[in-house]
Amino acid sequence: MKIKLAFLGAAQNVTGSKYLIEANGSRLLVDCGLYQEREYRNRNWEPFPVSPDSIDAVLLTHAHLDHCGYLPKLFHDGFKGEIYCTAATSEIAEIVLLDSAHIQEEDVEFKRNRHQREGRKGPHPLIPLYTQDDAKGCISLLTSVDYDKPVNVGKGIEASFHDAGHILGSSMIRLRVTQDGESRTILFSGDVGRWNKPILLDPTLFENADYVLVESTYGDRLHPDNEDISKLLADVINTTHRAGGNICIPSFAVERAQEVLYHLNKLLIANRIPHLMVFIDSPMAINVTRVFQKHTELYDEEMMALMRRDESPFDFPGLKMTKTVNESKAINHIKGTVIIIAGSGMCTAGRIKHHLVQNISRPESTVLFVGYQARDTLGRHILDGAKDVRILGQRHRVRAKIEAIQGFSAHADRDELFKWLSALKNPPRQLFITHGESDAAERFATFMREKTDWHVSIPNYCDEVNLV
């Protein structure tokens, strides 16, 4: 067998997922993510390790920016092949990529004006990484596939997409490569979801694979077994309401915002929190919510039961969707407590920055984190206890209460990852630990070596291996 696998991203870090497969004269890229950690963002600007026009197709696990956000750049630099993904992923990716391109363009203009005022230069040229035209170009290449139905993606190469239970439309991808009458199966976990989570079905289990690439975002920890998300959320809201402040929730527009709405809806139905105004202050989250409303076939039974009772978490009294900038600014003039759900989830861009400026120095307000904060992001600095932070070019004292609810995580923890891997009836030839900070990856690798006799490795950035 002659199969080459290269790790072009998410190797001992969390973002920038990209895995290159070369076999039978074809080049396939599994995921094409954007780097978001500050220390790695320069990689977004570096020349791609192989010529983009030499890549035949991209297989996309899901529509989070760290898995799809580099696609417009790849298109700009020459890629013109097909991008295979599920229908829901295709629809969400269109929203995410256009929003990302808009932010790229907007940030350049903002930085240009700021640098002129401050008389300095940044580390990168003041041009967008990619434009909205680039985003539209790569969106035209999206090709929808059904769950569990194999598709030919190259000579002797078959791919199938399976529900990952992570976000709407998310997939694990199984590649089967056939050469000279022999075949090898390579399993890409994408981001592994969790069991018994709201809205979505559970992750798919597999019985056989020759090679496995598994994420390790939470591979060094366990989610609290007894964490009652509804109770914790109610406590934060009720405490902040009594203090007279706002609840600012930095949230990923895809899945996390919708899951927060799910829990808020349950609390409101039960009258466990005051009936406050709830703002989804993210055009992207609003559009993604519409995709959720469309793809009811992907819901679990509990969510379907809510829909049958006309208790949709996406349409309840007091919920306001703020599309325009003026609507967003108007939130600051509301007296009393409001709940603001805004992007981005790690506070790296978007409207949440403006709400943080208004609230982070108010002792009566609360910043509530409901998602993973990658190393060296603004969200991570705040969560780690920074006394002051730089937001939109200015320093701000952190006086607001900082809270976090870990149970919202859409990533499997150590034991859930082990549950997923343990479904394999035979040991794979090799297990590659990816998509985790180096400490998390090392600890999960150690855990797997203690629990199994598998060959476990942690690839470095741009490592290449031959699969035999």
Protein backbone atom coordinates (compact mmCIF):
# COMPACT_ATOMS: atom_id res chain seq x y z
CA MET A 1 0.00 0.00 0.00
CA LYS A 2 1.14 3.51 -0.81
CA ILE A 3 -0.87 6.01 1.22
CA LYS A 4 0.68 9.18 2.59
CA LEU A 5 -0.90 11.15 5.41
CA ALA A 6 0.28 14.65 6.32
CA PHE A 7 -0.79 16.63 9.38
CA LEU A 8 -1.12 20.22 8.17
CA GLY A 9 -3.02 21.58 11.16
CA ALA A 10 -4.50 20.80 14.59
CA ALA A 11 -1.30 18.92 15.46
CA GLN A 12 -0.60 19.59 19.16
CA ASN A 13 -2.96 22.54 19.02
CA VAL A 14 -6.74 22.88 18.75
CA THR A 15 -7.46 24.93 15.63
CA GLY A 16 -6.51 24.86 11.94
CA SER A 17 -7.59 21.25 11.24
CA LYS A 18 -6.14 20.00 7.94
CA TYR A 19 -5.13 16.44 7.01
CA LEU A 20 -3.77 15.61 3.57
CA ILE A 21 -4.18 12.13 2.09
CA GLU A 22 -2.28 11.12 -1.05
CA ALA A 23 -3.18 7.81 -2.69
CA ASN A 24 -3.73 6.40 -6.19
CA GLY A 25 -2.60 9.66 -7.76
CA SER A 26 -5.21 11.70 -5.85
CA ARG A 27 -4.76 14.38 -3.22
CA LEU A 28 -7.56 14.82 -0.69
CA LEU A 29 -7.77 17.27 2.17
CA VAL A 30 -9.86 16.34 5.20
CA ASP A 31 -10.97 19.63 6.78
CA CYS A 32 -9.57 23.04 5.96
CA GLY A 33 -9.65 25.06 9.16
CA LEU A 34 -8.50 28.49 10.22
CA TYR A 35 -5.93 28.94 12.96
CA GLN A 36 -7.38 30.98 15.82
CA GLU A 37 -4.75 30.82 18.58
CA ARG A 38 -2.69 33.99 18.52
CA GLU A 39 0.64 32.12 18.48
CA TYR A 40 -0.36 30.18 15.33
CA ARG A 41 -2.33 32.76 13.34
CA ASN A 42 0.71 33.54 11.21
CA ARG A 43 0.26 30.07 9.65
CA ASN A 44 -2.92 31.37 8.00
CA TRP A 45 -0.69 33.70 5.99
CA GLU A 46 2.05 31.25 5.11
CA PRO A 47 2.07 29.51 1.70
CA PHE A 48 0.09 26.27 1.82
CA PRO A 49 2.43 23.25 2.11
CA VAL A 50 1.22 21.88 -1.25
CA SER A 51 -0.10 23.76 -4.25
CA PRO A 52 -3.87 24.27 -3.67
CA ASP A 53 -4.61 23.59 -7.35
CA SER A 54 -3.10 20.11 -6.93
CA ILE A 55 -5.76 19.11 -4.37
CA ASP A 56 -8.58 17.13 -5.97
CA ALA A 57 -11.22 17.43 -3.25
CA VAL A 58 -11.86 18.53 0.32
CA LEU A 59 -13.86 16.39 2.75
CA LEU A 60 -15.41 18.58 5.44
CA THR A 61 -16.36 17.14 8.84
CA HIS A 62 -18.37 20.17 9.99
CA ALA A 63 -18.83 23.90 9.73
CA HIS A 64 -16.91 25.28 12.70
CA LEU A 65 -14.37 27.90 11.65
CA ASP A 66 -11.39 25.86 12.87
CA HIS A 67 -12.44 23.11 10.44
CA CYS A 68 -13.73 25.07 7.41
CA GLY A 69 -12.51 28.66 7.81
CA TYR A 70 -9.46 28.40 5.53
CA LEU A 71 -11.49 27.23 2.50
CA PRO A 72 -11.82 30.73 0.92
CA LYS A 73 -8.05 31.19 1.16
CA LEU A 74 -7.50 27.77 -0.44
CA PHE A 75 -9.91 28.78 -3.22
CA HIS A 76 -8.20 32.15 -3.67
CA ASP A 77 -4.86 30.38 -4.07
CA GLY A 78 -6.10 28.00 -6.76
CA PHE A 79 -8.20 25.15 -5.37
CA LYS A 80 -11.18 24.37 -7.64
CA GLY A 81 -12.16 20.81 -6.66
CA GLU A 82 -15.31 19.62 -4.95
CA ILE A 83 -15.94 20.11 -1.23
CA TYR A 84 -17.94 17.17 0.14
CA CYS A 85 -20.06 17.54 3.28
CA THR A 86 -23.58 16.96 4.60
CA ALA A 87 -26.42 19.26 3.55
CA ALA A 88 -26.67 20.91 6.97
CA THR A 89 -22.89 21.45 7.02
CA SER A 90 -23.07 23.00 3.55
CA GLU A 91 -25.77 25.45 4.62
CA ILE A 92 -24.02 26.39 7.86
CA ALA A 93 -20.62 26.64 6.15
CA GLU A 94 -22.05 29.17 3.71
CA ILE A 95 -23.16 31.35 6.64
CA VAL A 96 -19.90 30.89 8.56
CA LEU A 97 -17.60 31.57 5.61
CA LEU A 98 -19.41 34.70 4.43
CA ASP A 99 -19.37 36.03 7.99
CA SER A 100 -15.67 35.20 8.36
CA ALA A 101 -14.85 36.97 5.08
CA HIS A 102 -16.84 40.02 6.19
CA ILE A 103 -14.90 40.07 9.48
CA GLN A 104 -11.59 39.72 7.59
CA GLU A 105 -12.46 42.77 5.49
CA GLU A 106 -13.89 44.74 8.41
CA ASP A 107 -10.90 44.05 10.67
CA VAL A 108 -8.48 45.31 8.02
CA GLU A 109 -10.32 48.63 7.82
CA PHE A 110 -10.52 48.93 11.61
CA LYS A 111 -6.80 48.13 12.03
CA ARG A 112 -5.82 50.47 9.22
CA ASN A 113 -7.54 53.38 10.96
CA ARG A 114 -6.15 52.40 14.38
CA HIS A 115 -2.60 51.98 13.10
CA GLN A 116 -2.77 55.37 11.42
CA ARG A 117 -3.87 56.93 14.72
CA GLU A 118 -1.16 55.14 16.69
CA GLY A 119 1.56 55.48 14.04
CA ARG A 120 2.49 51.79 13.97
CA LYS A 121 2.39 48.71 11.78
CA GLY A 122 1.09 45.20 12.46
CA PRO A 123 2.83 41.87 11.74
CA HIS A 124 0.77 41.17 8.59
CA PRO A 125 -0.06 43.26 5.51
CA LEU A 126 -3.23 45.31 5.86
CA ILE A 127 -5.20 43.21 3.42
CA PRO A 128 -7.85 40.62 4.26
CA LEU A 129 -6.77 36.99 4.38
CA TYR A 130 -9.65 36.47 1.96
CA THR A 131 -12.66 38.38 0.70
CA GLN A 132 -16.39 37.75 0.42
CA ASP A 133 -15.85 36.97 -3.27
CA ASP A 134 -13.39 34.25 -2.26
CA ALA A 135 -15.98 32.89 0.18
CA LYS A 136 -18.67 32.86 -2.51
CA GLY A 137 -16.28 31.07 -4.86
CA CYS A 138 -15.56 28.21 -2.49
CA ILE A 139 -19.23 27.99 -1.46
CA SER A 140 -20.04 27.22 -5.11
CA LEU A 141 -17.88 24.09 -4.75
CA LEU A 142 -19.84 22.62 -1.82
CA THR A 143 -21.34 19.22 -2.69
CA SER A 144 -23.89 17.69 -0.31
CA VAL A 145 -23.77 14.02 0.65
CA ASP A 146 -26.07 11.90 2.81
CA TYR A 147 -25.07 10.29 6.06
CA ASP A 148 -23.89 6.67 5.77
CA LYS A 149 -23.90 6.57 1.95
CA PRO A 150 -20.46 5.98 0.36
CA VAL A 151 -19.28 8.39 -2.34
CA ASN A 152 -16.32 7.99 -4.71
CA VAL A 153 -13.90 10.85 -4.13
CA GLY A 154 -10.93 9.60 -6.14
CA LYS A 155 -9.60 6.56 -7.97
CA GLY A 156 -10.08 3.62 -5.60
CA ILE A 157 -11.05 5.99 -2.77
CA GLU A 158 -14.47 5.86 -1.15
CA ALA A 159 -15.66 8.19 1.61
CA SER A 160 -18.65 7.94 3.90
CA PHE A 161 -19.93 10.52 6.37
CA HIS A 162 -21.41 9.52 9.74
CA ASP A 163 -23.17 11.57 12.42
CA ALA A 164 -20.63 12.89 14.95
CA GLY A 165 -23.23 14.29 17.37
CA HIS A 166 -21.10 17.44 17.75
CA ILE A 167 -23.03 20.15 15.89
CA LEU A 168 -25.87 20.02 13.39
CA GLY A 169 -24.65 18.13 10.31
CA SER A 170 -21.28 17.23 11.83
CA SER A 171 -19.56 14.10 10.57
CA MET A 172 -16.95 11.51 11.21
CA ILE A 173 -15.38 10.53 7.89
CA ARG A 174 -14.40 7.00 6.97
CA LEU A 175 -12.06 6.69 3.99
CA ARG A 176 -11.55 3.35 2.29
CA VAL A 177 -8.53 3.25 -0.03
CA THR A 178 -8.14 0.27 -2.38
CA GLN A 179 -4.88 -0.62 -4.14
CA ASP A 180 -3.94 -3.86 -5.93
CA GLY A 181 -6.81 -5.77 -4.36
CA GLU A 182 -6.03 -4.59 -0.83
CA SER A 183 -7.90 -1.91 1.11
CA ARG A 184 -7.22 0.25 4.16
CA THR A 185 -9.77 2.15 6.23
CA ILE A 186 -8.83 5.51 7.73
CA LEU A 187 -11.23 7.00 10.26
CA PHE A 188 -11.25 10.75 10.95
CA SER A 189 -13.14 11.53 14.13
CA GLY A 190 -13.70 15.20 13.37
CA ASP A 191 -14.96 16.60 16.66
CA VAL A 192 -16.59 13.84 18.70
CA GLY A 193 -19.86 14.86 20.29
CA ARG A 194 -21.37 13.70 23.54
CA TRP A 195 -24.02 11.22 24.51
CA ASN A 196 -27.45 12.35 25.79
CA LYS A 197 -26.99 15.98 24.78
CA PRO A 198 -29.94 18.18 23.80
CA ILE A 199 -31.16 18.55 20.22
CA LEU A 200 -28.77 16.13 18.47
CA LEU A 201 -28.42 12.37 18.11
CA ASP A 202 -25.54 10.51 19.77
CA PRO A 203 -22.15 10.01 18.04
CA THR A 204 -21.77 7.11 15.61
CA LEU A 205 -19.72 4.11 16.76
CA PHE A 206 -17.46 2.04 14.47
CA GLU A 207 -16.38 -1.57 14.69
CA ASN A 208 -13.33 -1.55 12.41
CA ALA A 209 -10.63 0.82 11.16
CA ASP A 210 -6.99 0.38 10.17
CA TYR A 211 -5.97 3.90 11.15
CA VAL A 212 -7.76 6.39 13.41
CA LEU A 213 -7.27 10.12 13.87
CA VAL A 214 -9.02 11.23 17.05
CA GLU A 215 -9.42 14.68 18.51
CA SER A 216 -8.25 15.35 22.08
CA THR A 217 -9.62 18.80 22.94
CA TYR A 218 -10.86 17.49 26.30
CA GLY A 219 -8.69 14.38 26.33
CA ASP A 220 -7.09 15.32 29.65
CA ARG A 221 -10.24 15.96 31.68
CA LEU A 222 -13.72 14.78 32.55
CA HIS A 223 -16.89 16.79 32.29
CA PRO A 224 -18.62 16.95 35.68
CA ASP A 225 -21.04 14.03 35.99
CA ASN A 226 -23.33 15.85 38.33
CA GLU A 227 -23.25 19.28 36.70
CA ASP A 228 -26.83 20.49 36.36
CA ILE A 229 -26.60 22.99 33.52
CA SER A 230 -30.09 24.33 34.10
CA LYS A 231 -29.43 24.96 37.81
CA LEU A 232 -26.08 26.64 37.19
CA LEU A 233 -27.53 28.80 34.43
CA ALA A 234 -30.48 29.75 36.62
CA ASP A 235 -28.15 30.67 39.51
CA VAL A 236 -26.04 32.97 37.30
CA ILE A 237 -29.11 34.67 35.83
CA ASN A 238 -30.93 35.11 39.15
CA THR A 239 -27.83 36.41 40.96
CA THR A 240 -27.00 38.89 38.21
CA HIS A 241 -30.63 40.02 37.99
CA ARG A 242 -30.66 40.80 41.71
CA ALA A 243 -27.42 42.79 41.30
CA GLY A 244 -28.91 44.78 38.40
CA GLY A 245 -26.33 43.80 35.78
CA ASN A 246 -26.36 42.10 32.40
CA ILE A 247 -25.44 38.54 31.53
CA CYS A 248 -23.02 38.51 28.57
CA ILE A 249 -22.56 35.08 27.01
CA PRO A 250 -19.79 34.77 24.42
CA SER A 251 -21.09 31.99 22.25
CA PHE A 252 -20.26 30.11 19.11
CA ALA A 253 -22.98 30.86 16.60
CA VAL A 254 -23.17 27.23 15.56
CA GLU A 255 -24.74 24.80 18.08
CA ARG A 256 -23.74 26.59 21.29
CA ALA A 257 -26.10 29.53 20.86
CA GLN A 258 -28.93 27.14 20.03
CA GLU A 259 -28.17 24.92 23.03
CA VAL A 260 -28.13 27.93 25.36
CA LEU A 261 -31.57 28.87 23.98
CA TYR A 262 -32.71 25.30 24.64
CA HIS A 263 -31.84 25.56 28.34
CA LEU A 264 -33.17 29.11 28.69
CA ASN A 265 -36.45 27.98 27.17
CA LYS A 266 -36.74 25.14 29.71
CA LEU A 267 -36.04 27.54 32.60
CA LEU A 268 -38.61 30.03 31.36
CA ILE A 269 -41.27 27.35 30.88
CA ALA A 270 -40.63 26.25 34.49
CA ASN A 271 -40.55 29.88 35.75
CA ARG A 272 -37.14 29.28 37.33
CA ILE A 273 -35.73 32.57 36.02
CA PRO A 274 -37.30 36.01 35.51
CA HIS A 275 -38.75 36.56 32.06
CA LEU A 276 -35.95 38.81 30.85
CA MET A 277 -35.27 39.95 27.32
CA VAL A 278 -32.88 37.53 25.60
CA PHE A 279 -30.87 38.86 22.68
CA ILE A 280 -29.23 36.74 20.02
CA ASP A 281 -26.89 39.51 18.90
CA SER A 282 -25.28 37.72 15.99
CA PRO A 283 -26.53 37.73 12.41
CA MET A 284 -24.67 34.48 11.91
CA ALA A 285 -26.31 32.79 14.90
CA ILE A 286 -29.70 33.98 13.67
CA ASN A 287 -29.09 32.46 10.24
CA VAL A 288 -27.73 29.24 11.73
CA THR A 289 -30.82 28.96 13.93
CA ARG A 290 -32.92 29.00 10.75
CA VAL A 291 -30.89 26.03 9.49
CA PHE A 292 -31.67 24.25 12.76
CA GLN A 293 -35.36 24.95 12.26
CA LYS A 294 -35.15 23.49 8.75
CA HIS A 295 -33.33 20.23 9.53
CA THR A 296 -35.69 18.63 12.01
CA GLU A 297 -34.70 15.19 10.71
CA LEU A 298 -31.46 15.57 12.68
CA TYR A 299 -33.17 16.14 16.06
CA ASP A 300 -33.24 13.64 18.89
CA GLU A 301 -36.54 12.46 20.41
CA GLU A 302 -36.54 14.97 23.30
CA MET A 303 -36.20 17.89 20.91
CA MET A 304 -38.91 16.47 18.67
CA ALA A 305 -41.22 16.26 21.69
CA LEU A 306 -40.68 19.97 22.39
CA MET A 307 -41.51 20.81 18.80
CA ARG A 308 -44.71 18.75 18.95
CA ARG A 309 -45.79 20.73 22.05
CA ASP A 310 -45.08 24.07 20.29
CA GLU A 311 -42.35 24.80 22.84
CA SER A 312 -39.56 25.50 20.37
CA PRO A 313 -36.41 26.92 21.99
CA PHE A 314 -35.94 29.03 18.88
CA ASP A 315 -39.16 31.03 19.29
CA PHE A 316 -40.20 32.01 22.81
CA PRO A 317 -41.56 35.26 24.34
CA GLY A 318 -38.81 37.79 25.04
CA LEU A 319 -36.37 36.35 22.49
CA LYS A 320 -35.06 39.06 20.18
CA MET A 321 -32.89 38.52 17.12
CA THR A 322 -30.75 41.61 16.50
CA LYS A 323 -29.46 41.72 12.96
CA THR A 324 -28.32 45.30 12.47
CA VAL A 325 -25.54 47.25 14.18
CA ASN A 326 -28.05 49.86 15.34
CA GLU A 327 -30.18 47.16 16.98
CA SER A 328 -27.07 45.85 18.68
CA LYS A 329 -26.11 49.29 20.00
CA ALA A 330 -29.64 49.85 21.28
CA ILE A 331 -29.21 47.00 23.77
CA ASN A 332 -26.86 49.25 25.77
CA HIS A 333 -29.71 51.70 26.44
CA ILE A 334 -32.04 49.14 28.05
CA LYS A 335 -32.51 49.67 31.79
CA GLY A 336 -32.33 46.59 33.98
CA THR A 337 -31.00 43.13 33.29
CA VAL A 338 -30.84 41.52 29.87
CA ILE A 339 -29.24 38.34 28.56
CA ILE A 340 -26.93 38.89 25.59
CA ILE A 341 -25.72 35.93 23.54
CA ALA A 342 -23.15 37.16 21.02
CA GLY A 343 -20.23 35.89 18.96
CA SER A 344 -17.52 35.01 18.86
CA GLY A 345 -17.29 32.17 21.35
CA MET A 346 -13.63 32.87 22.25
CA CYS A 347 -14.10 36.67 22.12
CA THR A 348 -11.68 36.93 19.19
CA ALA A 349 -14.02 38.98 16.98
CA GLY A 350 -17.64 40.00 16.53
CA ARG A 351 -20.17 41.89 18.61
CA ILE A 352 -19.28 40.27 21.93
CA LYS A 353 -16.26 42.58 22.08
CA HIS A 354 -18.51 45.64 22.13
CA HIS A 355 -20.70 44.14 24.86
CA LEU A 356 -17.60 43.31 26.89
CA VAL A 357 -16.49 46.93 26.62
CA GLN A 358 -19.86 47.96 28.08
CA ASN A 359 -19.99 45.33 30.83
CA ILE A 360 -16.61 43.88 31.81
CA SER A 361 -15.83 46.72 34.22
CA ARG A 362 -19.30 46.60 35.86
CA PRO A 363 -19.22 44.56 39.12
CA GLU A 364 -22.96 43.94 38.80
CA SER A 365 -22.63 42.26 35.38
CA THR A 366 -21.56 38.70 34.59
CA VAL A 367 -19.55 37.28 31.72
CA LEU A 368 -20.62 33.66 31.35
CA PHE A 369 -18.45 31.30 29.30
CA VAL A 370 -20.21 28.28 27.84
CA GLY A 371 -17.52 26.95 25.52
CA TYR A 372 -13.88 26.02 25.17
CA GLN A 373 -11.42 28.92 25.27
CA ALA A 374 -8.27 28.17 23.27
CA ARG A 375 -4.92 29.22 24.65
CA ASP A 376 -3.99 32.89 24.15
CA THR A 377 -7.47 34.03 23.09
CA LEU A 378 -9.19 36.98 24.78
CA GLY A 379 -11.73 34.60 26.26
CA ARG A 380 -8.99 32.43 27.77
CA HIS A 381 -7.28 35.49 29.30
CA ILE A 382 -10.53 36.59 30.94
CA LEU A 383 -11.38 33.08 32.14
CA ASP A 384 -7.87 32.61 33.56
CA GLY A 385 -8.36 35.63 35.81
CA ALA A 386 -6.71 38.56 33.99
CA LYS A 387 -7.10 41.79 35.96
CA ASP A 388 -7.29 43.88 32.83
CA VAL A 389 -7.62 43.03 29.14
CA ARG A 390 -7.19 44.75 25.81
CA ILE A 391 -10.45 45.01 23.85
CA LEU A 392 -10.77 46.96 20.60
CA GLY A 393 -7.41 48.61 21.19
CA GLN A 394 -8.10 49.83 24.75
CA ARG A 395 -7.31 48.37 28.19
CA HIS A 396 -10.28 47.57 30.44
CA ARG A 397 -10.33 46.53 34.09
CA VAL A 398 -12.08 43.23 34.72
CA ARG A 399 -14.60 43.89 37.49
CA ALA A 400 -17.53 41.83 36.23
CA LYS A 401 -18.16 38.37 37.66
CA ILE A 402 -16.59 35.70 35.48
CA GLU A 403 -18.43 32.39 35.38
CA ALA A 404 -18.16 29.23 33.29
CA ILE A 405 -20.41 26.24 32.74
CA GLN A 406 -18.38 23.33 31.40
CA GLY A 407 -21.34 21.07 30.69
CA PHE A 408 -22.25 22.94 27.53
CA SER A 409 -19.20 21.50 25.83
CA ALA A 410 -19.98 19.74 22.56
CA HIS A 411 -16.63 17.88 22.76
CA ALA A 412 -16.36 14.41 24.25
CA ASP A 413 -14.21 14.25 27.37
CA ARG A 414 -11.51 11.64 28.07
CA ASP A 415 -13.87 8.83 29.02
CA GLU A 416 -16.30 9.63 26.20
CA LEU A 417 -13.44 9.55 23.68
CA PHE A 418 -12.41 6.20 25.15
CA LYS A 419 -16.00 4.97 24.83
CA TRP A 420 -15.98 5.94 21.15
CA LEU A 421 -12.63 4.24 20.49
CA SER A 422 -13.53 1.14 22.53
CA ALA A 423 -16.29 0.28 20.06
CA LEU A 424 -13.56 -0.89 17.66
CA LYS A 425 -13.48 -4.69 17.79
CA ASN A 426 -9.82 -4.90 16.79
CA PRO A 427 -6.90 -2.57 17.55
CA PRO A 428 -6.14 -0.16 14.70
CA ARG A 429 -2.69 -0.29 13.17
CA GLN A 430 -2.10 3.18 14.57
CA LEU A 431 -3.99 5.79 16.58
CA PHE A 432 -3.08 9.42 15.93
CA ILE A 433 -3.95 11.93 18.67
CA THR A 434 -4.79 15.31 17.12
CA HIS A 435 -6.77 18.51 17.68
CA GLY A 436 -5.73 19.16 21.28
CA GLU A 437 -3.26 21.35 23.09
CA SER A 438 0.02 19.50 23.57
CA ASP A 439 -0.58 18.75 27.27
CA ALA A 440 -4.07 17.39 26.60
CA ALA A 441 -2.83 15.27 23.70
CA GLU A 442 0.06 13.85 25.78
CA ARG A 443 -2.18 12.96 28.70
CA PHE A 444 -4.76 11.31 26.46
CA ALA A 445 -2.02 9.36 24.66
CA THR A 446 -0.69 8.17 28.03
CA PHE A 447 -4.22 7.18 29.07
CA MET A 448 -4.73 5.18 25.87
CA ARG A 449 -1.38 3.40 26.26
CA GLU A 450 -2.31 2.43 29.81
CA LYS A 451 -5.74 1.17 28.78
CA THR A 452 -4.77 -0.60 25.53
CA ASP A 453 -1.83 -2.13 23.71
CA TRP A 454 -2.46 0.11 20.70
CA HIS A 455 0.26 1.93 18.77
CA VAL A 456 -0.44 5.56 19.77
CA SER A 457 1.35 8.62 18.42
CA ILE A 458 1.02 12.41 18.58
CA PRO A 459 1.99 14.00 15.26
CA ASN A 460 3.73 17.34 14.96
CA TYR A 461 2.79 20.08 12.54
CA CYS A 462 3.60 19.04 8.96
CA ASP A 463 4.59 15.48 9.93
CA GLU A 464 4.11 12.94 7.15
CA VAL A 465 3.56 9.21 7.62
CA ASN A 466 3.21 6.33 5.20
CA LEU A 467 0.22 4.09 5.88
CA VAL A 468 0.90 0.48 4.94
